[in-house]
Amino acid sequence: MDGWYALALSIIKKYPIDQAMRVIENGSPRKHGSELTADQLDDEIEQIIEMRSQGYTWQDIGDAFGMSKGAAYYRVKRRKK
């Protein structure tokens, strides 16, 4: 049943399916209790860049990733340095 809820959340909120599953399981799209590995961080930044290229606002992206719009922006800005 959780899969159907995650699918609906993914469609409505435009979350990637793995984030939708985290929302269903944890109540938040962020991973609880663990830091992101370098590979996971790179993947997340790639997703943020892709969402931005599709016209999403920083607020939309922050909401999708469970962070502030500023955190989403600076995550990408730090990577480009």
N, C-alpha and C. Protein backbone atom coordinates (compact mmCIF):
# COMPACT_ATOMS: atom_id res chain seq x y z
N MET A 1 0.82 -1.19 0.00
CA MET A 1 0.00 0.00 0.00
C MET A 1 0.86 1.26 0.00
N ASP A 2 2.01 1.21 0.72
CA ASP A 2 2.89 2.37 0.77
C ASP A 2 3.38 2.77 -0.61
N GLY A 3 3.58 1.79 -1.48
CA GLY A 3 4.04 2.07 -2.83
C GLY A 3 3.07 2.96 -3.59
N TRP A 4 1.77 2.71 -3.40
CA TRP A 4 0.76 3.53 -4.08
C TRP A 4 0.76 4.96 -3.55
N TYR A 5 0.91 5.09 -2.22
CA TYR A 5 0.98 6.43 -1.63
C TYR A 5 2.22 7.16 -2.14
N ALA A 6 3.33 6.45 -2.21
CA ALA A 6 4.57 7.06 -2.71
C ALA A 6 4.41 7.48 -4.17
N LEU A 7 3.75 6.67 -4.96
CA LEU A 7 3.52 7.01 -6.36
C LEU A 7 2.68 8.29 -6.46
N ALA A 8 1.62 8.36 -5.67
CA ALA A 8 0.77 9.55 -5.67
C ALA A 8 1.56 10.78 -5.23
N LEU A 9 2.36 10.63 -4.18
CA LEU A 9 3.17 11.74 -3.69
C LEU A 9 4.18 12.17 -4.75
N SER A 10 4.76 11.20 -5.42
CA SER A 10 5.73 11.49 -6.48
C SER A 10 5.08 12.28 -7.61
N ILE A 11 3.87 11.93 -7.96
CA ILE A 11 3.16 12.63 -9.03
C ILE A 11 2.72 14.02 -8.59
N ILE A 12 2.12 14.10 -7.41
CA ILE A 12 1.56 15.37 -6.95
C ILE A 12 2.65 16.38 -6.59
N LYS A 13 3.65 15.94 -5.81
CA LYS A 13 4.70 16.85 -5.36
C LYS A 13 5.92 16.85 -6.27
N LYS A 14 5.90 15.96 -7.28
CA LYS A 14 7.01 15.84 -8.22
C LYS A 14 8.31 15.45 -7.53
N TYR A 15 8.19 14.60 -6.49
CA TYR A 15 9.36 14.05 -5.82
C TYR A 15 9.89 12.87 -6.64
N PRO A 16 11.20 12.67 -6.68
CA PRO A 16 11.70 11.40 -7.20
C PRO A 16 11.14 10.28 -6.31
N ILE A 17 10.95 9.10 -6.86
CA ILE A 17 10.26 8.03 -6.13
C ILE A 17 10.98 7.66 -4.83
N ASP A 18 12.33 7.71 -4.81
CA ASP A 18 13.04 7.36 -3.58
C ASP A 18 12.76 8.37 -2.47
N GLN A 19 12.61 9.65 -2.83
CA GLN A 19 12.26 10.65 -1.82
C GLN A 19 10.82 10.48 -1.36
N ALA A 20 9.94 10.14 -2.28
CA ALA A 20 8.54 9.91 -1.90
C ALA A 20 8.45 8.75 -0.91
N MET A 21 9.24 7.70 -1.15
CA MET A 21 9.24 6.57 -0.21
C MET A 21 9.77 6.99 1.16
N ARG A 22 10.79 7.86 1.20
CA ARG A 22 11.29 8.34 2.49
C ARG A 22 10.24 9.15 3.22
N VAL A 23 9.45 9.94 2.49
CA VAL A 23 8.38 10.71 3.13
C VAL A 23 7.37 9.75 3.76
N ILE A 24 7.00 8.72 3.03
CA ILE A 24 6.04 7.75 3.56
C ILE A 24 6.61 7.05 4.79
N GLU A 25 7.88 6.66 4.72
CA GLU A 25 8.49 5.91 5.82
C GLU A 25 8.87 6.78 7.01
N ASN A 26 9.40 7.98 6.74
CA ASN A 26 9.97 8.81 7.80
C ASN A 26 9.23 10.11 8.07
N GLY A 27 8.34 10.49 7.17
CA GLY A 27 7.65 11.76 7.32
C GLY A 27 8.44 12.93 6.77
N SER A 28 9.58 12.64 6.15
CA SER A 28 10.44 13.68 5.58
C SER A 28 11.18 13.12 4.38
N PRO A 29 11.43 13.95 3.37
CA PRO A 29 12.18 13.46 2.22
C PRO A 29 13.67 13.30 2.51
N ARG A 30 14.16 13.83 3.62
CA ARG A 30 15.57 13.69 3.97
C ARG A 30 15.80 12.36 4.66
N LYS A 31 17.00 11.83 4.53
CA LYS A 31 17.36 10.60 5.21
C LYS A 31 17.58 10.91 6.68
N HIS A 32 16.92 10.16 7.55
CA HIS A 32 17.04 10.39 8.99
C HIS A 32 18.16 9.54 9.56
N GLY A 33 18.89 10.13 10.49
CA GLY A 33 19.87 9.37 11.23
C GLY A 33 21.16 9.07 10.49
N SER A 34 21.34 9.63 9.31
CA SER A 34 22.59 9.36 8.61
C SER A 34 22.94 10.55 7.72
N GLU A 35 24.21 10.73 7.56
CA GLU A 35 24.68 11.76 6.65
C GLU A 35 24.72 11.17 5.25
N LEU A 36 24.64 12.03 4.26
CA LEU A 36 24.73 11.58 2.88
C LEU A 36 26.18 11.25 2.55
N THR A 37 26.38 10.17 1.83
CA THR A 37 27.72 9.86 1.35
C THR A 37 28.06 10.82 0.22
N ALA A 38 29.31 10.85 -0.19
CA ALA A 38 29.72 11.74 -1.28
C ALA A 38 28.94 11.41 -2.56
N ASP A 39 28.75 10.13 -2.83
CA ASP A 39 28.01 9.73 -4.03
C ASP A 39 26.54 10.15 -3.93
N GLN A 40 25.94 9.99 -2.76
CA GLN A 40 24.55 10.38 -2.57
C GLN A 40 24.42 11.90 -2.70
N LEU A 41 25.39 12.63 -2.17
CA LEU A 41 25.36 14.08 -2.26
C LEU A 41 25.48 14.51 -3.72
N ASP A 42 26.39 13.88 -4.47
CA ASP A 42 26.52 14.19 -5.90
C ASP A 42 25.22 13.91 -6.64
N ASP A 43 24.58 12.78 -6.33
CA ASP A 43 23.30 12.44 -6.97
C ASP A 43 22.24 13.47 -6.64
N GLU A 44 22.20 13.89 -5.38
CA GLU A 44 21.20 14.88 -4.97
C GLU A 44 21.44 16.20 -5.69
N ILE A 45 22.69 16.62 -5.80
CA ILE A 45 23.00 17.87 -6.49
C ILE A 45 22.62 17.77 -7.96
N GLU A 46 22.87 16.63 -8.57
CA GLU A 46 22.47 16.43 -9.97
C GLU A 46 20.95 16.54 -10.12
N GLN A 47 20.21 15.98 -9.17
CA GLN A 47 18.75 16.08 -9.21
C GLN A 47 18.31 17.53 -9.05
N ILE A 48 18.97 18.25 -8.16
CA ILE A 48 18.64 19.67 -7.95
C ILE A 48 18.89 20.45 -9.23
N ILE A 49 20.04 20.24 -9.85
CA ILE A 49 20.38 20.94 -11.09
C ILE A 49 19.36 20.60 -12.17
N GLU A 50 18.96 19.33 -12.27
CA GLU A 50 17.98 18.90 -13.26
C GLU A 50 16.63 19.58 -13.01
N MET A 51 16.20 19.62 -11.75
CA MET A 51 14.92 20.28 -11.43
C MET A 51 14.99 21.76 -11.77
N ARG A 52 16.12 22.38 -11.49
CA ARG A 52 16.28 23.82 -11.79
C ARG A 52 16.20 24.06 -13.29
N SER A 53 16.81 23.17 -14.08
CA SER A 53 16.79 23.32 -15.54
C SER A 53 15.38 23.11 -16.10
N GLN A 54 14.54 22.42 -15.33
CA GLN A 54 13.16 22.20 -15.75
C GLN A 54 12.24 23.34 -15.32
N GLY A 55 12.80 24.36 -14.67
CA GLY A 55 12.03 25.53 -14.31
C GLY A 55 11.50 25.57 -12.89
N TYR A 56 11.89 24.62 -12.05
CA TYR A 56 11.44 24.64 -10.66
C TYR A 56 12.12 25.79 -9.92
N THR A 57 11.40 26.39 -8.98
CA THR A 57 11.97 27.46 -8.16
C THR A 57 12.84 26.83 -7.08
N TRP A 58 13.69 27.67 -6.48
CA TRP A 58 14.52 27.16 -5.38
C TRP A 58 13.63 26.72 -4.22
N GLN A 59 12.50 27.39 -4.03
CA GLN A 59 11.57 26.99 -2.97
C GLN A 59 11.00 25.60 -3.25
N ASP A 60 10.58 25.36 -4.49
CA ASP A 60 10.07 24.03 -4.87
C ASP A 60 11.12 22.96 -4.63
N ILE A 61 12.35 23.25 -5.02
CA ILE A 61 13.43 22.28 -4.88
C ILE A 61 13.72 22.03 -3.40
N GLY A 62 13.79 23.10 -2.62
CA GLY A 62 14.01 22.94 -1.19
C GLY A 62 12.92 22.10 -0.54
N ASP A 63 11.67 22.34 -0.90
CA ASP A 63 10.56 21.56 -0.37
C ASP A 63 10.69 20.08 -0.75
N ALA A 64 11.08 19.83 -1.98
CA ALA A 64 11.21 18.45 -2.46
C ALA A 64 12.32 17.69 -1.74
N PHE A 65 13.36 18.40 -1.32
CA PHE A 65 14.51 17.76 -0.68
C PHE A 65 14.52 17.94 0.84
N GLY A 66 13.50 18.58 1.37
CA GLY A 66 13.41 18.74 2.81
C GLY A 66 14.44 19.71 3.37
N MET A 67 14.73 20.76 2.61
CA MET A 67 15.70 21.77 3.05
C MET A 67 15.17 23.14 2.66
N SER A 68 15.83 24.17 3.13
CA SER A 68 15.41 25.52 2.75
C SER A 68 15.83 25.81 1.32
N LYS A 69 15.22 26.84 0.74
CA LYS A 69 15.60 27.20 -0.62
C LYS A 69 17.06 27.66 -0.66
N GLY A 70 17.51 28.33 0.39
CA GLY A 70 18.90 28.76 0.47
C GLY A 70 19.87 27.60 0.52
N ALA A 71 19.51 26.56 1.27
CA ALA A 71 20.37 25.38 1.36
C ALA A 71 20.50 24.70 0.01
N ALA A 72 19.39 24.61 -0.72
CA ALA A 72 19.43 24.00 -2.06
C ALA A 72 20.32 24.83 -2.98
N TYR A 73 20.15 26.14 -2.94
CA TYR A 73 20.94 27.03 -3.79
C TYR A 73 22.43 26.91 -3.48
N TYR A 74 22.79 26.98 -2.20
CA TYR A 74 24.20 26.96 -1.83
C TYR A 74 24.84 25.60 -2.05
N ARG A 75 24.05 24.54 -1.99
CA ARG A 75 24.58 23.21 -2.29
C ARG A 75 25.08 23.17 -3.73
N VAL A 76 24.31 23.74 -4.65
CA VAL A 76 24.71 23.78 -6.05
C VAL A 76 25.85 24.78 -6.25
N LYS A 77 25.76 25.93 -5.60
CA LYS A 77 26.80 26.96 -5.76
C LYS A 77 28.16 26.44 -5.29
N ARG A 78 28.19 25.73 -4.15
CA ARG A 78 29.45 25.19 -3.64
C ARG A 78 30.04 24.17 -4.60
N ARG A 79 29.19 23.42 -5.26
CA ARG A 79 29.68 22.40 -6.17
C ARG A 79 30.32 23.03 -7.41
N LYS A 80 29.79 24.16 -7.86
CA LYS A 80 30.29 24.79 -9.07
C LYS A 80 31.64 25.46 -8.88
N LYS A 81 32.07 25.65 -7.64
CA LYS A 81 33.35 26.31 -7.36
C LYS A 81 34.50 25.43 -7.75
